[in-house]
Amino acid sequence: GVVSRIFCDSVIKNLEEKYEELSLEG
């Protein structure tokens, strides 16, 4: 369950950082 939380929170953080230039490779 900790892994699930780490994954979700990291995804959101990374998506927010890459959002302006979002692409499939991103």
mmCIF file of all heavy atoms, coordinates in Angstrom:
data_MODEL
# 
_entry.id   MODEL 
# 
loop_
_atom_site.group_PDB 
_atom_site.id 
_atom_site.type_symbol 
_atom_site.label_atom_id 
_atom_site.label_alt_id 
_atom_site.label_comp_id 
_atom_site.label_asym_id 
_atom_site.label_entity_id 
_atom_site.label_seq_id 
_atom_site.pdbx_PDB_ins_code 
_atom_site.Cartn_x 
_atom_site.Cartn_y 
_atom_site.Cartn_z 
_atom_site.occupancy 
_atom_site.B_iso_or_equiv 
_atom_site.pdbx_formal_charge 
_atom_site.auth_seq_id 
_atom_site.auth_comp_id 
_atom_site.auth_asym_id 
_atom_site.auth_atom_id 
_atom_site.pdbx_PDB_model_num 
ATOM 1   N N   . GLY A 1 1  ? 0.822  -1.208 0.000   1.00 0.00 ? 1  GLY A N   1 
ATOM 2   C CA  . GLY A 1 1  ? 0.000  0.000  0.000   1.00 0.00 ? 1  GLY A CA  1 
ATOM 3   C C   . GLY A 1 1  ? 0.854  1.255  0.000   1.00 0.00 ? 1  GLY A C   1 
ATOM 4   O O   . GLY A 1 1  ? 0.493  2.262  -0.627  1.00 0.00 ? 1  GLY A O   1 
ATOM 5   N N   . VAL A 1 2  ? 1.982  1.210  0.680   1.00 0.00 ? 2  VAL A N   1 
ATOM 6   C CA  . VAL A 1 2  ? 2.912  2.340  0.655   1.00 0.00 ? 2  VAL A CA  1 
ATOM 7   C C   . VAL A 1 2  ? 3.426  2.565  -0.759  1.00 0.00 ? 2  VAL A C   1 
ATOM 8   O O   . VAL A 1 2  ? 3.520  3.702  -1.235  1.00 0.00 ? 2  VAL A O   1 
ATOM 9   C CB  . VAL A 1 2  ? 4.092  2.101  1.625   1.00 0.00 ? 2  VAL A CB  1 
ATOM 10  C CG1 . VAL A 1 2  ? 5.131  3.207  1.492   1.00 0.00 ? 2  VAL A CG1 1 
ATOM 11  C CG2 . VAL A 1 2  ? 3.594  2.011  3.055   1.00 0.00 ? 2  VAL A CG2 1 
ATOM 12  N N   . VAL A 1 3  ? 3.749  1.474  -1.468  1.00 0.00 ? 3  VAL A N   1 
ATOM 13  C CA  . VAL A 1 3  ? 4.190  1.585  -2.861  1.00 0.00 ? 3  VAL A CA  1 
ATOM 14  C C   . VAL A 1 3  ? 3.118  2.252  -3.713  1.00 0.00 ? 3  VAL A C   1 
ATOM 15  O O   . VAL A 1 3  ? 3.414  3.111  -4.557  1.00 0.00 ? 3  VAL A O   1 
ATOM 16  C CB  . VAL A 1 3  ? 4.554  0.196  -3.422  1.00 0.00 ? 3  VAL A CB  1 
ATOM 17  C CG1 . VAL A 1 3  ? 4.678  0.228  -4.938  1.00 0.00 ? 3  VAL A CG1 1 
ATOM 18  C CG2 . VAL A 1 3  ? 5.868  -0.292 -2.814  1.00 0.00 ? 3  VAL A CG2 1 
ATOM 19  N N   . SER A 1 4  ? 1.857  1.873  -3.497  1.00 0.00 ? 4  SER A N   1 
ATOM 20  C CA  . SER A 1 4  ? 0.759  2.498  -4.250  1.00 0.00 ? 4  SER A CA  1 
ATOM 21  C C   . SER A 1 4  ? 0.724  4.004  -4.024  1.00 0.00 ? 4  SER A C   1 
ATOM 22  O O   . SER A 1 4  ? 0.586  4.790  -4.969  1.00 0.00 ? 4  SER A O   1 
ATOM 23  C CB  . SER A 1 4  ? -0.582 1.891  -3.828  1.00 0.00 ? 4  SER A CB  1 
ATOM 24  O OG  . SER A 1 4  ? -0.681 0.554  -4.207  1.00 0.00 ? 4  SER A OG  1 
ATOM 25  N N   . ARG A 1 5  ? 0.846  4.416  -2.768  1.00 0.00 ? 5  ARG A N   1 
ATOM 26  C CA  . ARG A 1 5  ? 0.808  5.844  -2.444  1.00 0.00 ? 5  ARG A CA  1 
ATOM 27  C C   . ARG A 1 5  ? 2.016  6.568  -3.025  1.00 0.00 ? 5  ARG A C   1 
ATOM 28  O O   . ARG A 1 5  ? 1.880  7.656  -3.591  1.00 0.00 ? 5  ARG A O   1 
ATOM 29  C CB  . ARG A 1 5  ? 0.759  6.000  -0.919  1.00 0.00 ? 5  ARG A CB  1 
ATOM 30  C CG  . ARG A 1 5  ? 0.959  7.423  -0.401  1.00 0.00 ? 5  ARG A CG  1 
ATOM 31  C CD  . ARG A 1 5  ? 0.005  8.404  -1.029  1.00 0.00 ? 5  ARG A CD  1 
ATOM 32  N NE  . ARG A 1 5  ? -1.380 8.027  -0.816  1.00 0.00 ? 5  ARG A NE  1 
ATOM 33  C CZ  . ARG A 1 5  ? -2.391 8.563  -1.478  1.00 0.00 ? 5  ARG A CZ  1 
ATOM 34  N NH1 . ARG A 1 5  ? -2.152 9.472  -2.423  1.00 0.00 ? 5  ARG A NH1 1 
ATOM 35  N NH2 . ARG A 1 5  ? -3.629 8.193  -1.246  1.00 0.00 ? 5  ARG A NH2 1 
ATOM 36  N N   . ILE A 1 6  ? 3.207  5.973  -2.910  1.00 0.00 ? 6  ILE A N   1 
ATOM 37  C CA  . ILE A 1 6  ? 4.409  6.581  -3.477  1.00 0.00 ? 6  ILE A CA  1 
ATOM 38  C C   . ILE A 1 6  ? 4.237  6.777  -4.977  1.00 0.00 ? 6  ILE A C   1 
ATOM 39  O O   . ILE A 1 6  ? 4.558  7.840  -5.524  1.00 0.00 ? 6  ILE A O   1 
ATOM 40  C CB  . ILE A 1 6  ? 5.649  5.708  -3.188  1.00 0.00 ? 6  ILE A CB  1 
ATOM 41  C CG1 . ILE A 1 6  ? 6.009  5.784  -1.704  1.00 0.00 ? 6  ILE A CG1 1 
ATOM 42  C CG2 . ILE A 1 6  ? 6.836  6.134  -4.047  1.00 0.00 ? 6  ILE A CG2 1 
ATOM 43  C CD1 . ILE A 1 6  ? 7.080  4.794  -1.289  1.00 0.00 ? 6  ILE A CD1 1 
ATOM 44  N N   . PHE A 1 7  ? 3.735  5.752  -5.653  1.00 0.00 ? 7  PHE A N   1 
ATOM 45  C CA  . PHE A 1 7  ? 3.566  5.834  -7.096  1.00 0.00 ? 7  PHE A CA  1 
ATOM 46  C C   . PHE A 1 7  ? 2.595  6.944  -7.478  1.00 0.00 ? 7  PHE A C   1 
ATOM 47  O O   . PHE A 1 7  ? 2.899  7.782  -8.335  1.00 0.00 ? 7  PHE A O   1 
ATOM 48  C CB  . PHE A 1 7  ? 3.072  4.494  -7.646  1.00 0.00 ? 7  PHE A CB  1 
ATOM 49  C CG  . PHE A 1 7  ? 2.814  4.504  -9.124  1.00 0.00 ? 7  PHE A CG  1 
ATOM 50  C CD1 . PHE A 1 7  ? 3.850  4.408  -10.030 1.00 0.00 ? 7  PHE A CD1 1 
ATOM 51  C CD2 . PHE A 1 7  ? 1.520  4.632  -9.614  1.00 0.00 ? 7  PHE A CD2 1 
ATOM 52  C CE1 . PHE A 1 7  ? 3.622  4.435  -11.397 1.00 0.00 ? 7  PHE A CE1 1 
ATOM 53  C CE2 . PHE A 1 7  ? 1.273  4.655  -10.982 1.00 0.00 ? 7  PHE A CE2 1 
ATOM 54  C CZ  . PHE A 1 7  ? 2.324  4.564  -11.871 1.00 0.00 ? 7  PHE A CZ  1 
ATOM 55  N N   . CYS A 1 8  ? 1.422  6.964  -6.855  1.00 0.00 ? 8  CYS A N   1 
ATOM 56  C CA  . CYS A 1 8  ? 0.407  7.966  -7.214  1.00 0.00 ? 8  CYS A CA  1 
ATOM 57  C C   . CYS A 1 8  ? 0.906  9.386  -6.965  1.00 0.00 ? 8  CYS A C   1 
ATOM 58  O O   . CYS A 1 8  ? 0.756  10.274 -7.818  1.00 0.00 ? 8  CYS A O   1 
ATOM 59  C CB  . CYS A 1 8  ? -0.879 7.719  -6.428  1.00 0.00 ? 8  CYS A CB  1 
ATOM 60  S SG  . CYS A 1 8  ? -1.839 6.301  -6.990  1.00 0.00 ? 8  CYS A SG  1 
ATOM 61  N N   . ASP A 1 9  ? 1.494  9.607  -5.805  1.00 0.00 ? 9  ASP A N   1 
ATOM 62  C CA  . ASP A 1 9  ? 1.951  10.953 -5.476  1.00 0.00 ? 9  ASP A CA  1 
ATOM 63  C C   . ASP A 1 9  ? 3.084  11.399 -6.401  1.00 0.00 ? 9  ASP A C   1 
ATOM 64  O O   . ASP A 1 9  ? 3.143  12.567 -6.816  1.00 0.00 ? 9  ASP A O   1 
ATOM 65  C CB  . ASP A 1 9  ? 2.406  11.011 -4.021  1.00 0.00 ? 9  ASP A CB  1 
ATOM 66  C CG  . ASP A 1 9  ? 1.247  10.920 -3.042  1.00 0.00 ? 9  ASP A CG  1 
ATOM 67  O OD1 . ASP A 1 9  ? 0.090  11.024 -3.483  1.00 0.00 ? 9  ASP A OD1 1 
ATOM 68  O OD2 . ASP A 1 9  ? 1.497  10.738 -1.839  1.00 0.00 ? 9  ASP A OD2 1 
ATOM 69  N N   . SER A 1 10 ? 3.985  10.487 -6.736  1.00 0.00 ? 10 SER A N   1 
ATOM 70  C CA  . SER A 1 10 ? 5.081  10.825 -7.642  1.00 0.00 ? 10 SER A CA  1 
ATOM 71  C C   . SER A 1 10 ? 4.561  11.126 -9.043  1.00 0.00 ? 10 SER A C   1 
ATOM 72  O O   . SER A 1 10 ? 5.028  12.064 -9.696  1.00 0.00 ? 10 SER A O   1 
ATOM 73  C CB  . SER A 1 10 ? 6.099  9.679  -7.690  1.00 0.00 ? 10 SER A CB  1 
ATOM 74  O OG  . SER A 1 10 ? 7.148  9.978  -8.591  1.00 0.00 ? 10 SER A OG  1 
ATOM 75  N N   . VAL A 1 11 ? 3.585  10.353 -9.502  1.00 0.00 ? 11 VAL A N   1 
ATOM 76  C CA  . VAL A 1 11 ? 2.993  10.591 -10.820 1.00 0.00 ? 11 VAL A CA  1 
ATOM 77  C C   . VAL A 1 11 ? 2.406  11.995 -10.899 1.00 0.00 ? 11 VAL A C   1 
ATOM 78  O O   . VAL A 1 11 ? 2.644  12.729 -11.868 1.00 0.00 ? 11 VAL A O   1 
ATOM 79  C CB  . VAL A 1 11 ? 1.916  9.527  -11.119 1.00 0.00 ? 11 VAL A CB  1 
ATOM 80  C CG1 . VAL A 1 11 ? 0.967  10.013 -12.217 1.00 0.00 ? 11 VAL A CG1 1 
ATOM 81  C CG2 . VAL A 1 11 ? 2.559  8.214  -11.549 1.00 0.00 ? 11 VAL A CG2 1 
ATOM 82  N N   . ILE A 1 12 ? 1.630  12.385 -9.895  1.00 0.00 ? 12 ILE A N   1 
ATOM 83  C CA  . ILE A 1 12 ? 1.004  13.703 -9.915  1.00 0.00 ? 12 ILE A CA  1 
ATOM 84  C C   . ILE A 1 12 ? 2.068  14.800 -9.927  1.00 0.00 ? 12 ILE A C   1 
ATOM 85  O O   . ILE A 1 12 ? 1.992  15.770 -10.698 1.00 0.00 ? 12 ILE A O   1 
ATOM 86  C CB  . ILE A 1 12 ? 0.062  13.868 -8.710  1.00 0.00 ? 12 ILE A CB  1 
ATOM 87  C CG1 . ILE A 1 12 ? -1.094 12.874 -8.795  1.00 0.00 ? 12 ILE A CG1 1 
ATOM 88  C CG2 . ILE A 1 12 ? -0.475 15.299 -8.647  1.00 0.00 ? 12 ILE A CG2 1 
ATOM 89  C CD1 . ILE A 1 12 ? -1.949 12.974 -10.036 1.00 0.00 ? 12 ILE A CD1 1 
ATOM 90  N N   . LYS A 1 13 ? 3.072  14.662 -9.088  1.00 0.00 ? 13 LYS A N   1 
ATOM 91  C CA  . LYS A 1 13 ? 4.154  15.643 -9.039  1.00 0.00 ? 13 LYS A CA  1 
ATOM 92  C C   . LYS A 1 13 ? 4.863  15.747 -10.392 1.00 0.00 ? 13 LYS A C   1 
ATOM 93  O O   . LYS A 1 13 ? 5.097  16.851 -10.909 1.00 0.00 ? 13 LYS A O   1 
ATOM 94  C CB  . LYS A 1 13 ? 5.159  15.256 -7.956  1.00 0.00 ? 13 LYS A CB  1 
ATOM 95  C CG  . LYS A 1 13 ? 6.373  16.175 -7.833  1.00 0.00 ? 13 LYS A CG  1 
ATOM 96  C CD  . LYS A 1 13 ? 7.246  15.732 -6.677  1.00 0.00 ? 13 LYS A CD  1 
ATOM 97  C CE  . LYS A 1 13 ? 8.477  16.626 -6.537  1.00 0.00 ? 13 LYS A CE  1 
ATOM 98  N NZ  . LYS A 1 13 ? 9.410  16.460 -7.681  1.00 0.00 ? 13 LYS A NZ  1 
ATOM 99  N N   . ASN A 1 14 ? 5.175  14.599 -10.998 1.00 0.00 ? 14 ASN A N   1 
ATOM 100 C CA  . ASN A 1 14 ? 5.873  14.596 -12.283 1.00 0.00 ? 14 ASN A CA  1 
ATOM 101 C C   . ASN A 1 14 ? 5.004  15.135 -13.411 1.00 0.00 ? 14 ASN A C   1 
ATOM 102 O O   . ASN A 1 14 ? 5.487  15.849 -14.301 1.00 0.00 ? 14 ASN A O   1 
ATOM 103 C CB  . ASN A 1 14 ? 6.341  13.179 -12.633 1.00 0.00 ? 14 ASN A CB  1 
ATOM 104 C CG  . ASN A 1 14 ? 7.419  12.668 -11.696 1.00 0.00 ? 14 ASN A CG  1 
ATOM 105 O OD1 . ASN A 1 14 ? 8.042  13.450 -10.987 1.00 0.00 ? 14 ASN A OD1 1 
ATOM 106 N ND2 . ASN A 1 14 ? 7.620  11.357 -11.681 1.00 0.00 ? 14 ASN A ND2 1 
ATOM 107 N N   . LEU A 1 15 ? 3.700  14.815 -13.383 1.00 0.00 ? 15 LEU A N   1 
ATOM 108 C CA  . LEU A 1 15 ? 2.792  15.329 -14.407 1.00 0.00 ? 15 LEU A CA  1 
ATOM 109 C C   . LEU A 1 15 ? 2.668  16.847 -14.309 1.00 0.00 ? 15 LEU A C   1 
ATOM 110 O O   . LEU A 1 15 ? 2.631  17.546 -15.330 1.00 0.00 ? 15 LEU A O   1 
ATOM 111 C CB  . LEU A 1 15 ? 1.409  14.693 -14.275 1.00 0.00 ? 15 LEU A CB  1 
ATOM 112 C CG  . LEU A 1 15 ? 1.249  13.267 -14.802 1.00 0.00 ? 15 LEU A CG  1 
ATOM 113 C CD1 . LEU A 1 15 ? -0.118 12.720 -14.440 1.00 0.00 ? 15 LEU A CD1 1 
ATOM 114 C CD2 . LEU A 1 15 ? 1.444  13.216 -16.323 1.00 0.00 ? 15 LEU A CD2 1 
ATOM 115 N N   . GLU A 1 16 ? 2.589  17.339 -13.101 1.00 0.00 ? 16 GLU A N   1 
ATOM 116 C CA  . GLU A 1 16 ? 2.496  18.794 -12.926 1.00 0.00 ? 16 GLU A CA  1 
ATOM 117 C C   . GLU A 1 16 ? 3.750  19.484 -13.461 1.00 0.00 ? 16 GLU A C   1 
ATOM 118 O O   . GLU A 1 16 ? 3.666  20.536 -14.104 1.00 0.00 ? 16 GLU A O   1 
ATOM 119 C CB  . GLU A 1 16 ? 2.294  19.118 -11.449 1.00 0.00 ? 16 GLU A CB  1 
ATOM 120 C CG  . GLU A 1 16 ? 0.913  18.742 -10.933 1.00 0.00 ? 16 GLU A CG  1 
ATOM 121 C CD  . GLU A 1 16 ? 0.770  18.950 -9.443  1.00 0.00 ? 16 GLU A CD  1 
ATOM 122 O OE1 . GLU A 1 16 ? 1.800  18.994 -8.736  1.00 0.00 ? 16 GLU A OE1 1 
ATOM 123 O OE2 . GLU A 1 16 ? -0.384 19.059 -8.977  1.00 0.00 ? 16 GLU A OE2 1 
ATOM 124 N N   . GLU A 1 17 ? 4.909  18.887 -13.228 1.00 0.00 ? 17 GLU A N   1 
ATOM 125 C CA  . GLU A 1 17 ? 6.161  19.486 -13.691 1.00 0.00 ? 17 GLU A CA  1 
ATOM 126 C C   . GLU A 1 17 ? 6.287  19.455 -15.210 1.00 0.00 ? 17 GLU A C   1 
ATOM 127 O O   . GLU A 1 17 ? 6.865  20.362 -15.815 1.00 0.00 ? 17 GLU A O   1 
ATOM 128 C CB  . GLU A 1 17 ? 7.343  18.757 -13.056 1.00 0.00 ? 17 GLU A CB  1 
ATOM 129 C CG  . GLU A 1 17 ? 7.477  19.000 -11.558 1.00 0.00 ? 17 GLU A CG  1 
ATOM 130 C CD  . GLU A 1 17 ? 8.575  18.170 -10.934 1.00 0.00 ? 17 GLU A CD  1 
ATOM 131 O OE1 . GLU A 1 17 ? 9.155  17.308 -11.646 1.00 0.00 ? 17 GLU A OE1 1 
ATOM 132 O OE2 . GLU A 1 17 ? 8.876  18.381 -9.746  1.00 0.00 ? 17 GLU A OE2 1 
ATOM 133 N N   . LYS A 1 18 ? 5.756  18.417 -15.854 1.00 0.00 ? 18 LYS A N   1 
ATOM 134 C CA  . LYS A 1 18 ? 5.911  18.251 -17.300 1.00 0.00 ? 18 LYS A CA  1 
ATOM 135 C C   . LYS A 1 18 ? 4.687  18.715 -18.079 1.00 0.00 ? 18 LYS A C   1 
ATOM 136 O O   . LYS A 1 18 ? 4.639  18.587 -19.308 1.00 0.00 ? 18 LYS A O   1 
ATOM 137 C CB  . LYS A 1 18 ? 6.170  16.764 -17.621 1.00 0.00 ? 18 LYS A CB  1 
ATOM 138 C CG  . LYS A 1 18 ? 7.485  16.241 -17.059 1.00 0.00 ? 18 LYS A CG  1 
ATOM 139 C CD  . LYS A 1 18 ? 7.670  14.763 -17.397 1.00 0.00 ? 18 LYS A CD  1 
ATOM 140 C CE  . LYS A 1 18 ? 8.970  14.223 -16.825 1.00 0.00 ? 18 LYS A CE  1 
ATOM 141 N NZ  . LYS A 1 18 ? 10.147 14.853 -17.435 1.00 0.00 ? 18 LYS A NZ  1 
ATOM 142 N N   . TYR A 1 19 ? 3.690  19.269 -17.375 1.00 0.00 ? 19 TYR A N   1 
ATOM 143 C CA  . TYR A 1 19 ? 2.391  19.513 -18.001 1.00 0.00 ? 19 TYR A CA  1 
ATOM 144 C C   . TYR A 1 19 ? 2.468  20.457 -19.197 1.00 0.00 ? 19 TYR A C   1 
ATOM 145 O O   . TYR A 1 19 ? 1.816  20.219 -20.221 1.00 0.00 ? 19 TYR A O   1 
ATOM 146 C CB  . TYR A 1 19 ? 1.420  20.069 -16.957 1.00 0.00 ? 19 TYR A CB  1 
ATOM 147 C CG  . TYR A 1 19 ? 0.013  20.217 -17.492 1.00 0.00 ? 19 TYR A CG  1 
ATOM 148 C CD1 . TYR A 1 19 ? -0.823 19.118 -17.599 1.00 0.00 ? 19 TYR A CD1 1 
ATOM 149 C CD2 . TYR A 1 19 ? -0.468 21.461 -17.891 1.00 0.00 ? 19 TYR A CD2 1 
ATOM 150 C CE1 . TYR A 1 19 ? -2.114 19.247 -18.097 1.00 0.00 ? 19 TYR A CE1 1 
ATOM 151 C CE2 . TYR A 1 19 ? -1.752 21.606 -18.387 1.00 0.00 ? 19 TYR A CE2 1 
ATOM 152 C CZ  . TYR A 1 19 ? -2.567 20.492 -18.488 1.00 0.00 ? 19 TYR A CZ  1 
ATOM 153 O OH  . TYR A 1 19 ? -3.832 20.633 -18.983 1.00 0.00 ? 19 TYR A OH  1 
ATOM 154 N N   . GLU A 1 20 ? 3.223  21.516 -19.109 1.00 0.00 ? 20 GLU A N   1 
ATOM 155 C CA  . GLU A 1 20 ? 3.246  22.519 -20.178 1.00 0.00 ? 20 GLU A CA  1 
ATOM 156 C C   . GLU A 1 20 ? 3.753  21.951 -21.493 1.00 0.00 ? 20 GLU A C   1 
ATOM 157 O O   . GLU A 1 20 ? 3.375  22.421 -22.567 1.00 0.00 ? 20 GLU A O   1 
ATOM 158 C CB  . GLU A 1 20 ? 4.098  23.719 -19.750 1.00 0.00 ? 20 GLU A CB  1 
ATOM 159 C CG  . GLU A 1 20 ? 3.494  24.533 -18.628 1.00 0.00 ? 20 GLU A CG  1 
ATOM 160 C CD  . GLU A 1 20 ? 2.079  24.997 -18.953 1.00 0.00 ? 20 GLU A CD  1 
ATOM 161 O OE1 . GLU A 1 20 ? 1.847  25.440 -20.106 1.00 0.00 ? 20 GLU A OE1 1 
ATOM 162 O OE2 . GLU A 1 20 ? 1.207  24.906 -18.069 1.00 0.00 ? 20 GLU A OE2 1 
ATOM 163 N N   . GLU A 1 21 ? 4.611  20.957 -21.449 1.00 0.00 ? 21 GLU A N   1 
ATOM 164 C CA  . GLU A 1 21 ? 5.148  20.347 -22.671 1.00 0.00 ? 21 GLU A CA  1 
ATOM 165 C C   . GLU A 1 21 ? 4.803  18.860 -22.722 1.00 0.00 ? 21 GLU A C   1 
ATOM 166 O O   . GLU A 1 21 ? 5.607  18.031 -23.143 1.00 0.00 ? 21 GLU A O   1 
ATOM 167 C CB  . GLU A 1 21 ? 6.662  20.550 -22.742 1.00 0.00 ? 21 GLU A CB  1 
ATOM 168 C CG  . GLU A 1 21 ? 7.068  22.023 -22.800 1.00 0.00 ? 21 GLU A CG  1 
ATOM 169 C CD  . GLU A 1 21 ? 8.571  22.211 -22.836 1.00 0.00 ? 21 GLU A CD  1 
ATOM 170 O OE1 . GLU A 1 21 ? 9.302  21.215 -22.670 1.00 0.00 ? 21 GLU A OE1 1 
ATOM 171 O OE2 . GLU A 1 21 ? 9.014  23.354 -23.044 1.00 0.00 ? 21 GLU A OE2 1 
ATOM 172 N N   . LEU A 1 22 ? 3.591  18.531 -22.312 1.00 0.00 ? 22 LEU A N   1 
ATOM 173 C CA  . LEU A 1 22 ? 3.183  17.140 -22.192 1.00 0.00 ? 22 LEU A CA  1 
ATOM 174 C C   . LEU A 1 22 ? 3.151  16.443 -23.556 1.00 0.00 ? 22 LEU A C   1 
ATOM 175 O O   . LEU A 1 22 ? 2.704  17.007 -24.547 1.00 0.00 ? 22 LEU A O   1 
ATOM 176 C CB  . LEU A 1 22 ? 1.803  17.063 -21.547 1.00 0.00 ? 22 LEU A CB  1 
ATOM 177 C CG  . LEU A 1 22 ? 1.402  15.710 -20.951 1.00 0.00 ? 22 LEU A CG  1 
ATOM 178 C CD1 . LEU A 1 22 ? 2.374  15.275 -19.872 1.00 0.00 ? 22 LEU A CD1 1 
ATOM 179 C CD2 . LEU A 1 22 ? -0.005 15.782 -20.400 1.00 0.00 ? 22 LEU A CD2 1 
ATOM 180 N N   . SER A 1 23 ? 3.646  15.215 -23.589 1.00 0.00 ? 23 SER A N   1 
ATOM 181 C CA  . SER A 1 23 ? 3.677  14.397 -24.797 1.00 0.00 ? 23 SER A CA  1 
ATOM 182 C C   . SER A 1 23 ? 3.643  12.933 -24.379 1.00 0.00 ? 23 SER A C   1 
ATOM 183 O O   . SER A 1 23 ? 3.757  12.612 -23.187 1.00 0.00 ? 23 SER A O   1 
ATOM 184 C CB  . SER A 1 23 ? 4.954  14.661 -25.595 1.00 0.00 ? 23 SER A CB  1 
ATOM 185 O OG  . SER A 1 23 ? 6.093  14.236 -24.859 1.00 0.00 ? 23 SER A OG  1 
ATOM 186 N N   . LEU A 1 24 ? 3.497  12.035 -25.356 1.00 0.00 ? 24 LEU A N   1 
ATOM 187 C CA  . LEU A 1 24 ? 3.512  10.617 -25.033 1.00 0.00 ? 24 LEU A CA  1 
ATOM 188 C C   . LEU A 1 24 ? 4.847  10.207 -24.430 1.00 0.00 ? 24 LEU A C   1 
ATOM 189 O O   . LEU A 1 24 ? 4.900  9.404  -23.492 1.00 0.00 ? 24 LEU A O   1 
ATOM 190 C CB  . LEU A 1 24 ? 3.208  9.781  -26.282 1.00 0.00 ? 24 LEU A CB  1 
ATOM 191 C CG  . LEU A 1 24 ? 1.752  9.802  -26.764 1.00 0.00 ? 24 LEU A CG  1 
ATOM 192 C CD1 . LEU A 1 24 ? 1.590  8.917  -27.981 1.00 0.00 ? 24 LEU A CD1 1 
ATOM 193 C CD2 . LEU A 1 24 ? 0.808  9.334  -25.656 1.00 0.00 ? 24 LEU A CD2 1 
ATOM 194 N N   . GLU A 1 25 ? 5.925  10.738 -24.963 1.00 0.00 ? 25 GLU A N   1 
ATOM 195 C CA  . GLU A 1 25 ? 7.233  10.416 -24.398 1.00 0.00 ? 25 GLU A CA  1 
ATOM 196 C C   . GLU A 1 25 ? 7.347  10.970 -22.977 1.00 0.00 ? 25 GLU A C   1 
ATOM 197 O O   . GLU A 1 25 ? 7.960  10.357 -22.102 1.00 0.00 ? 25 GLU A O   1 
ATOM 198 C CB  . GLU A 1 25 ? 8.352  10.973 -25.274 1.00 0.00 ? 25 GLU A CB  1 
ATOM 199 C CG  . GLU A 1 25 ? 9.728  10.430 -24.929 1.00 0.00 ? 25 GLU A CG  1 
ATOM 200 C CD  . GLU A 1 25 ? 9.804  8.917  -24.971 1.00 0.00 ? 25 GLU A CD  1 
ATOM 201 O OE1 . GLU A 1 25 ? 9.160  8.303  -25.847 1.00 0.00 ? 25 GLU A OE1 1 
ATOM 202 O OE2 . GLU A 1 25 ? 10.505 8.327  -24.121 1.00 0.00 ? 25 GLU A OE2 1 
ATOM 203 N N   . GLY A 1 26 ? 6.727  12.131 -22.759 1.00 0.00 ? 26 GLY A N   1 
ATOM 204 C CA  . GLY A 1 26 ? 6.708  12.691 -21.411 1.00 0.00 ? 26 GLY A CA  1 
ATOM 205 C C   . GLY A 1 26 ? 5.942  11.809 -20.442 1.00 0.00 ? 26 GLY A C   1 
ATOM 206 O O   . GLY A 1 26 ? 6.320  11.682 -19.273 1.00 0.00 ? 26 GLY A O   1 
# 
